[in-house]
Amino acid sequence: MNLAVIFDMDGVLIDSQPLHYEIDIKVLKKCGYEAVLSTVVPYTGLGNPDRWPKYKEDLGLSQEPDELIEMAEETMRELFGNADLKPIDGIPTLLDGIKAMGIKLGVASSSSHELIELVLGKIGLNGRFDFIVSGEDVAEGKPAPDIYLKAAEKAGVPANMCIAIEDAPAGILAAKNAGCTCIAYENPSTLGQDFTNADYSTGRFDDCFPIIKTLFFRSMTGALS
C-alpha cells in the first residue's frame, strides 16, 4: 500500500508535554531565570537544537546552547526514567486498525533517539512501527519539512501520500511544508494553540480512525486531497 501514517511522539503517543515543560522550567531556573509555564509553552514542538538557542537569545541566558542542551538531556533522563508513562487512550487500538489495513506506520519526533526508544519501551509500543525518524536525523527541525521528508523516504512513499498526526503548530507546519496531509490531535496540554494549518482536527483517537479510513480509500485514486 502506497500510504503511510506518521505519528509525532510527545503529546500524540503519550501525554508527555507536561514533562517537557517541567524539564525546561527546571533548566531555566538552574540558569537563574524564574520560568513559569507561560514562559515555556510558546516553544512547544521545537527540538533541543532549535529550542535552547532560542531560549538563550530570547531570555538573555549566559550559558551556551550546548551546555543548556546537556542540562536538559540530564534532566530528561531523570524525569522520564522515573515517570509512569502510558500511551494516550485509543492509541494501541488505532495502531492495530491502521496496521490491519496494510498501511505503514512511523514516528517522526523532534526528540532524540535515546528518548524515543525509552518512551516507546515504557509504554509498550516497541516494535509497533515500521520506521522512526528523530530530530537528530535531519538538518533542520520542525517547522521545517525535513523530518517528514525523511520519514516519507524511509516509508518508501511520496510525502503527499503520508498522513501526519501532530499536536503542536510547529509539527503541523512541518508536515504541511513537506506536503503531507495532517491531522491535529487536540491534546489538552497543547489545546488552544493554532491548529488552523491542519487538514483535520480531533480530540479523540476513536474519531481519528474514520478519517484515516476515508483517506485510505481516497488514496486508491492516487491522491489524498
C-alpha atoms as a PDB file:
ATOM      1  CA  MET A   1       0.000   0.000   0.000  1.00  0.00           C
ATOM      2  CA  ASN A   2       1.446   3.330  -1.137  1.00  0.00           C
ATOM      3  CA  LEU A   3       0.431   5.127   2.066  1.00  0.00           C
ATOM      4  CA  ALA A   4       1.968   5.842   5.485  1.00  0.00           C
ATOM      5  CA  VAL A   5       0.692   7.247   8.773  1.00  0.00           C
ATOM      6  CA  ILE A   6       3.360   9.087  10.758  1.00  0.00           C
ATOM      7  CA  PHE A   7       2.933   9.949  14.428  1.00  0.00           C
ATOM      8  CA  ASP A   8       4.599  12.652  16.428  1.00  0.00           C
ATOM      9  CA  MET A   9       5.515  11.188  19.825  1.00  0.00           C
ATOM     10  CA  ASP A  10       5.246  13.802  22.564  1.00  0.00           C
ATOM     11  CA  GLY A  11       1.622  14.802  23.029  1.00  0.00           C
ATOM     12  CA  VAL A  12       0.373  12.248  20.490  1.00  0.00           C
ATOM     13  CA  LEU A  13       1.558   8.784  21.501  1.00  0.00           C
ATOM     14  CA  ILE A  14       1.983   9.891  25.115  1.00  0.00           C
ATOM     15  CA  ASP A  15       0.853  12.930  27.076  1.00  0.00           C
ATOM     16  CA  SER A  16       4.446  13.864  27.827  1.00  0.00           C
ATOM     17  CA  GLN A  17       4.252  17.571  27.095  1.00  0.00           C
ATOM     18  CA  PRO A  18       3.836  18.468  30.798  1.00  0.00           C
ATOM     19  CA  LEU A  19       7.111  16.625  31.477  1.00  0.00           C
ATOM     20  CA  HIS A  20       8.851  18.608  28.745  1.00  0.00           C
ATOM     21  CA  TYR A  21       7.523  21.835  30.231  1.00  0.00           C
ATOM     22  CA  GLU A  22       8.841  20.746  33.635  1.00  0.00           C
ATOM     23  CA  ILE A  23      12.266  19.960  32.149  1.00  0.00           C
ATOM     24  CA  ASP A  24      12.537  23.391  30.544  1.00  0.00           C
ATOM     25  CA  ILE A  25      11.359  25.202  33.682  1.00  0.00           C
ATOM     26  CA  LYS A  26      13.859  23.289  35.850  1.00  0.00           C
ATOM     27  CA  VAL A  27      16.751  24.056  33.496  1.00  0.00           C
ATOM     28  CA  LEU A  28      15.847  27.725  33.152  1.00  0.00           C
ATOM     29  CA  LYS A  29      15.626  28.075  36.926  1.00  0.00           C
ATOM     30  CA  LYS A  30      19.080  26.475  37.274  1.00  0.00           C
ATOM     31  CA  CYS A  31      20.265  29.169  34.894  1.00  0.00           C
ATOM     32  CA  GLY A  32      18.833  31.888  37.113  1.00  0.00           C
ATOM     33  CA  TYR A  33      15.696  32.621  35.100  1.00  0.00           C
ATOM     34  CA  GLU A  34      12.460  32.289  37.102  1.00  0.00           C
ATOM     35  CA  ALA A  35      10.471  30.495  34.396  1.00  0.00           C
ATOM     36  CA  VAL A  36       6.802  29.598  34.701  1.00  0.00           C
ATOM     37  CA  LEU A  37       4.527  27.595  32.413  1.00  0.00           C
ATOM     38  CA  SER A  38       3.693  30.578  30.221  1.00  0.00           C
ATOM     39  CA  THR A  39       7.444  31.061  29.626  1.00  0.00           C
ATOM     40  CA  VAL A  40       7.929  27.670  28.006  1.00  0.00           C
ATOM     41  CA  VAL A  41       4.614  26.949  26.221  1.00  0.00           C
ATOM     42  CA  PRO A  42       5.487  29.064  23.127  1.00  0.00           C
ATOM     43  CA  TYR A  43       8.467  26.748  22.454  1.00  0.00           C
ATOM     44  CA  THR A  44       6.292  23.611  22.207  1.00  0.00           C
ATOM     45  CA  GLY A  45       7.287  21.245  19.414  1.00  0.00           C
ATOM     46  CA  LEU A  46      10.798  22.599  18.848  1.00  0.00           C
ATOM     47  CA  GLY A  47      13.661  20.136  19.200  1.00  0.00           C
ATOM     48  CA  ASN A  48      16.573  20.806  21.542  1.00  0.00           C
ATOM     49  CA  PRO A  49      18.929  22.114  18.802  1.00  0.00           C
ATOM     50  CA  ASP A  50      16.392  24.806  17.922  1.00  0.00           C
ATOM     51  CA  ARG A  51      14.719  25.408  21.288  1.00  0.00           C
ATOM     52  CA  TRP A  52      17.704  26.095  23.514  1.00  0.00           C
ATOM     53  CA  PRO A  53      19.492  28.625  21.254  1.00  0.00           C
ATOM     54  CA  LYS A  54      16.126  30.387  21.051  1.00  0.00           C
ATOM     55  CA  TYR A  55      15.772  30.371  24.843  1.00  0.00           C
ATOM     56  CA  LYS A  56      19.295  31.798  25.132  1.00  0.00           C
ATOM     57  CA  GLU A  57      18.534  34.584  22.680  1.00  0.00           C
ATOM     58  CA  ASP A  58      15.028  35.402  23.918  1.00  0.00           C
ATOM     59  CA  LEU A  59      15.762  35.229  27.659  1.00  0.00           C
ATOM     60  CA  GLY A  60      19.340  36.513  27.648  1.00  0.00           C
ATOM     61  CA  LEU A  61      20.827  33.380  29.226  1.00  0.00           C
ATOM     62  CA  SER A  62      24.579  33.372  29.881  1.00  0.00           C
ATOM     63  CA  GLN A  63      25.012  29.626  29.235  1.00  0.00           C
ATOM     64  CA  GLU A  64      25.894  28.404  25.746  1.00  0.00           C
ATOM     65  CA  PRO A  65      23.324  26.294  23.827  1.00  0.00           C
ATOM     66  CA  ASP A  66      25.435  23.123  24.107  1.00  0.00           C
ATOM     67  CA  GLU A  67      25.544  23.483  27.894  1.00  0.00           C
ATOM     68  CA  LEU A  68      21.786  24.131  28.029  1.00  0.00           C
ATOM     69  CA  ILE A  69      21.078  21.058  25.890  1.00  0.00           C
ATOM     70  CA  GLU A  70      23.303  18.906  28.103  1.00  0.00           C
ATOM     71  CA  MET A  71      21.434  20.164  31.194  1.00  0.00           C
ATOM     72  CA  ALA A  72      18.097  19.456  29.515  1.00  0.00           C
ATOM     73  CA  GLU A  73      19.100  15.927  28.494  1.00  0.00           C
ATOM     74  CA  GLU A  74      20.317  15.121  32.015  1.00  0.00           C
ATOM     75  CA  THR A  75      17.028  16.386  33.480  1.00  0.00           C
ATOM     76  CA  MET A  76      15.096  14.483  30.814  1.00  0.00           C
ATOM     77  CA  ARG A  77      16.750  11.173  31.708  1.00  0.00           C
ATOM     78  CA  GLU A  78      15.869  11.695  35.352  1.00  0.00           C
ATOM     79  CA  LEU A  79      12.230  12.704  34.838  1.00  0.00           C
ATOM     80  CA  PHE A  80      11.345  10.274  32.047  1.00  0.00           C
ATOM     81  CA  GLY A  81      13.232   7.432  33.708  1.00  0.00           C
ATOM     82  CA  ASN A  82      11.127   7.802  36.853  1.00  0.00           C
ATOM     83  CA  ALA A  83       7.801   8.665  35.191  1.00  0.00           C
ATOM     84  CA  ASP A  84       4.904   6.212  34.958  1.00  0.00           C
ATOM     85  CA  LEU A  85       4.211   6.588  31.241  1.00  0.00           C
ATOM     86  CA  LYS A  86       1.215   5.201  29.367  1.00  0.00           C
ATOM     87  CA  PRO A  87       0.026   5.617  25.782  1.00  0.00           C
ATOM     88  CA  ILE A  88      -2.775   8.094  25.248  1.00  0.00           C
ATOM     89  CA  ASP A  89      -6.227   6.484  25.262  1.00  0.00           C
ATOM     90  CA  GLY A  90      -7.066   4.965  21.909  1.00  0.00           C
ATOM     91  CA  ILE A  91      -3.505   4.780  20.552  1.00  0.00           C
ATOM     92  CA  PRO A  92      -2.974   0.975  20.732  1.00  0.00           C
ATOM     93  CA  THR A  93      -6.366   0.327  19.095  1.00  0.00           C
ATOM     94  CA  LEU A  94      -5.665   2.954  16.420  1.00  0.00           C
ATOM     95  CA  LEU A  95      -2.281   1.397  15.620  1.00  0.00           C
ATOM     96  CA  ASP A  96      -3.892  -2.042  15.357  1.00  0.00           C
ATOM     97  CA  GLY A  97      -6.542  -0.723  12.970  1.00  0.00           C
ATOM     98  CA  ILE A  98      -4.035   1.056  10.741  1.00  0.00           C
ATOM     99  CA  LYS A  99      -1.732  -1.962  10.635  1.00  0.00           C
ATOM    100  CA  ALA A 100      -4.630  -4.244   9.721  1.00  0.00           C
ATOM    101  CA  MET A 101      -5.228  -2.093   6.632  1.00  0.00           C
ATOM    102  CA  GLY A 102      -1.669  -2.694   5.439  1.00  0.00           C
ATOM    103  CA  ILE A 103      -0.625   0.918   5.954  1.00  0.00           C
ATOM    104  CA  LYS A 104       2.943   1.654   7.019  1.00  0.00           C
ATOM    105  CA  LEU A 105       3.396   3.180  10.475  1.00  0.00           C
ATOM    106  CA  GLY A 106       6.129   5.569  11.547  1.00  0.00           C
ATOM    107  CA  VAL A 107       7.255   8.017  14.201  1.00  0.00           C
ATOM    108  CA  ALA A 108       8.655  11.475  13.402  1.00  0.00           C
ATOM    109  CA  SER A 109       9.696  13.120  16.659  1.00  0.00           C
ATOM    110  CA  SER A 110      11.924  16.089  17.464  1.00  0.00           C
ATOM    111  CA  SER A 111      13.158  14.098  20.468  1.00  0.00           C
ATOM    112  CA  SER A 112      16.442  12.183  20.481  1.00  0.00           C
ATOM    113  CA  HIS A 113      16.641   8.510  19.535  1.00  0.00           C
ATOM    114  CA  GLU A 114      17.531   7.819  23.176  1.00  0.00           C
ATOM    115  CA  LEU A 115      14.297   9.382  24.413  1.00  0.00           C
ATOM    116  CA  ILE A 116      12.155   7.842  21.667  1.00  0.00           C
ATOM    117  CA  GLU A 117      13.424   4.350  22.493  1.00  0.00           C
ATOM    118  CA  LEU A 118      12.985   4.958  26.230  1.00  0.00           C
ATOM    119  CA  VAL A 119       9.400   6.167  25.818  1.00  0.00           C
ATOM    120  CA  LEU A 120       8.275   3.509  23.337  1.00  0.00           C
ATOM    121  CA  GLY A 121       9.693   0.831  25.610  1.00  0.00           C
ATOM    122  CA  LYS A 122       7.975   2.206  28.710  1.00  0.00           C
ATOM    123  CA  ILE A 123       4.568   2.456  27.006  1.00  0.00           C
ATOM    124  CA  GLY A 124       4.768  -0.940  25.334  1.00  0.00           C
ATOM    125  CA  LEU A 125       4.949   0.254  21.739  1.00  0.00           C
ATOM    126  CA  ASN A 126       8.417  -1.040  20.845  1.00  0.00           C
ATOM    127  CA  GLY A 127       8.297  -2.880  17.537  1.00  0.00           C
ATOM    128  CA  ARG A 128       4.950  -1.401  16.518  1.00  0.00           C
ATOM    129  CA  PHE A 129       6.406   0.997  13.941  1.00  0.00           C
ATOM    130  CA  ASP A 130       7.991   0.311  10.561  1.00  0.00           C
ATOM    131  CA  PHE A 131      10.376   3.269  10.851  1.00  0.00           C
ATOM    132  CA  ILE A 132      11.425   6.026  13.260  1.00  0.00           C
ATOM    133  CA  VAL A 133      12.882   9.436  12.485  1.00  0.00           C
ATOM    134  CA  SER A 134      14.394  11.640  15.188  1.00  0.00           C
ATOM    135  CA  GLY A 135      15.243  15.312  15.090  1.00  0.00           C
ATOM    136  CA  GLU A 136      18.839  14.082  15.274  1.00  0.00           C
ATOM    137  CA  ASP A 137      18.476  12.658  11.746  1.00  0.00           C
ATOM    138  CA  VAL A 138      17.811  15.942   9.940  1.00  0.00           C
ATOM    139  CA  ALA A 139      19.496  19.293   9.413  1.00  0.00           C
ATOM    140  CA  GLU A 140      16.513  21.477  10.276  1.00  0.00           C
ATOM    141  CA  GLY A 141      13.916  20.724  12.944  1.00  0.00           C
ATOM    142  CA  LYS A 142      10.180  21.372  12.889  1.00  0.00           C
ATOM    143  CA  PRO A 143       8.581  23.531  11.449  1.00  0.00           C
ATOM    144  CA  ALA A 144      10.998  22.865   8.557  1.00  0.00           C
ATOM    145  CA  PRO A 145       9.802  19.931   6.406  1.00  0.00           C
ATOM    146  CA  ASP A 146      12.998  17.882   6.788  1.00  0.00           C
ATOM    147  CA  ILE A 147      11.735  15.350   9.336  1.00  0.00           C
ATOM    148  CA  TYR A 148       8.641  14.465   7.302  1.00  0.00           C
ATOM    149  CA  LEU A 149      10.563  14.310   4.047  1.00  0.00           C
ATOM    150  CA  LYS A 150      12.969  11.897   5.753  1.00  0.00           C
ATOM    151  CA  ALA A 151      10.043   9.882   7.133  1.00  0.00           C
ATOM    152  CA  ALA A 152       8.465   9.635   3.682  1.00  0.00           C
ATOM    153  CA  GLU A 153      11.806   8.453   2.304  1.00  0.00           C
ATOM    154  CA  LYS A 154      12.033   5.756   4.993  1.00  0.00           C
ATOM    155  CA  ALA A 155       8.431   4.728   4.318  1.00  0.00           C
ATOM    156  CA  GLY A 156       9.194   4.472   0.609  1.00  0.00           C
ATOM    157  CA  VAL A 157       6.195   6.615  -0.339  1.00  0.00           C
ATOM    158  CA  PRO A 158       5.826  10.191  -1.619  1.00  0.00           C
ATOM    159  CA  ALA A 159       5.286  12.818   1.090  1.00  0.00           C
ATOM    160  CA  ASN A 160       1.890  13.663  -0.392  1.00  0.00           C
ATOM    161  CA  MET A 161       0.816  10.096   0.400  1.00  0.00           C
ATOM    162  CA  CYS A 162       1.702  10.451   4.087  1.00  0.00           C
ATOM    163  CA  ILE A 163      -0.718  11.285   6.893  1.00  0.00           C
ATOM    164  CA  ALA A 164       0.902  13.075   9.829  1.00  0.00           C
ATOM    165  CA  ILE A 165      -0.645  13.212  13.296  1.00  0.00           C
ATOM    166  CA  GLU A 166       0.587  16.194  15.302  1.00  0.00           C
ATOM    167  CA  ASP A 167      -0.453  18.191  18.360  1.00  0.00           C
ATOM    168  CA  ALA A 168       1.527  21.448  18.060  1.00  0.00           C
ATOM    169  CA  PRO A 169       1.797  24.231  15.456  1.00  0.00           C
ATOM    170  CA  ALA A 170       5.482  23.579  14.681  1.00  0.00           C
ATOM    171  CA  GLY A 171       4.781  19.934  13.860  1.00  0.00           C
ATOM    172  CA  ILE A 172       1.679  20.748  11.830  1.00  0.00           C
ATOM    173  CA  LEU A 173       3.669  23.245   9.758  1.00  0.00           C
ATOM    174  CA  ALA A 174       6.482  20.712   9.277  1.00  0.00           C
ATOM    175  CA  ALA A 175       4.012  18.169   7.928  1.00  0.00           C
ATOM    176  CA  LYS A 176       2.266  20.648   5.646  1.00  0.00           C
ATOM    177  CA  ASN A 177       5.572  22.119   4.433  1.00  0.00           C
ATOM    178  CA  ALA A 178       6.575  18.603   3.389  1.00  0.00           C
ATOM    179  CA  GLY A 179       3.310  18.105   1.508  1.00  0.00           C
ATOM    180  CA  CYS A 180       1.692  15.653   3.950  1.00  0.00           C
ATOM    181  CA  THR A 181      -1.947  15.565   4.972  1.00  0.00           C
ATOM    182  CA  CYS A 182      -2.094  16.499   8.647  1.00  0.00           C
ATOM    183  CA  ILE A 183      -4.487  15.521  11.426  1.00  0.00           C
ATOM    184  CA  ALA A 184      -4.200  17.709  14.530  1.00  0.00           C
ATOM    185  CA  TYR A 185      -4.744  15.891  17.797  1.00  0.00           C
ATOM    186  CA  GLU A 186      -6.232  18.312  20.314  1.00  0.00           C
ATOM    187  CA  ASN A 187      -4.218  17.250  23.340  1.00  0.00           C
ATOM    188  CA  PRO A 188      -5.426  19.090  26.462  1.00  0.00           C
ATOM    189  CA  SER A 189      -1.797  20.078  27.155  1.00  0.00           C
ATOM    190  CA  THR A 190      -1.471  21.923  23.839  1.00  0.00           C
ATOM    191  CA  LEU A 191      -5.127  22.812  23.266  1.00  0.00           C
ATOM    192  CA  GLY A 192      -5.647  26.469  22.457  1.00  0.00           C
ATOM    193  CA  GLN A 193      -2.670  26.678  20.117  1.00  0.00           C
ATOM    194  CA  ASP A 194      -3.051  27.421  16.424  1.00  0.00           C
ATOM    195  CA  PHE A 195      -4.202  24.284  14.575  1.00  0.00           C
ATOM    196  CA  THR A 196      -5.594  26.133  11.554  1.00  0.00           C
ATOM    197  CA  ASN A 197      -2.948  24.747   9.185  1.00  0.00           C
ATOM    198  CA  ALA A 198      -4.053  21.157   9.808  1.00  0.00           C
ATOM    199  CA  ASP A 199      -6.374  19.433   7.344  1.00  0.00           C
ATOM    200  CA  TYR A 200      -8.377  17.735  10.106  1.00  0.00           C
ATOM    201  CA  SER A 201      -8.675  18.141  13.851  1.00  0.00           C
ATOM    202  CA  THR A 202      -9.887  15.763  16.551  1.00  0.00           C
ATOM    203  CA  GLY A 203      -9.741  15.404  20.306  1.00  0.00           C
ATOM    204  CA  ARG A 204     -10.239  11.615  20.365  1.00  0.00           C
ATOM    205  CA  PHE A 205      -8.301   8.880  18.635  1.00  0.00           C
ATOM    206  CA  ASP A 206     -11.545   6.934  18.276  1.00  0.00           C
ATOM    207  CA  ASP A 207     -12.572   9.701  15.865  1.00  0.00           C
ATOM    208  CA  CYS A 208      -9.200   9.627  14.116  1.00  0.00           C
ATOM    209  CA  PHE A 209      -9.613   6.165  12.600  1.00  0.00           C
ATOM    210  CA  PRO A 210     -12.633   7.089  10.404  1.00  0.00           C
ATOM    211  CA  ILE A 211     -10.596   9.991   8.987  1.00  0.00           C
ATOM    212  CA  ILE A 212      -7.716   7.660   8.144  1.00  0.00           C
ATOM    213  CA  LYS A 213     -10.096   5.125   6.579  1.00  0.00           C
ATOM    214  CA  THR A 214     -11.561   7.863   4.361  1.00  0.00           C
ATOM    215  CA  LEU A 215      -8.068   8.938   3.305  1.00  0.00           C
ATOM    216  CA  PHE A 216      -7.106   5.286   2.748  1.00  0.00           C
ATOM    217  CA  PHE A 217      -9.893   4.794   0.220  1.00  0.00           C
ATOM    218  CA  ARG A 218      -9.196   8.184  -1.321  1.00  0.00           C
ATOM    219  CA  SER A 219      -5.542   7.203  -1.777  1.00  0.00           C
ATOM    220  CA  MET A 220      -6.632   4.441  -4.129  1.00  0.00           C
ATOM    221  CA  THR A 221      -7.485   7.135  -6.656  1.00  0.00           C
ATOM    222  CA  GLY A 222      -3.910   8.418  -6.385  1.00  0.00           C
ATOM    223  CA  ALA A 223      -4.332  11.451  -4.114  1.00  0.00           C
ATOM    224  CA  LEU A 224      -5.316  12.258  -0.546  1.00  0.00           C
ATOM    225  CA  SER A 225      -6.767  15.684  -1.319  1.00  0.00           C
END
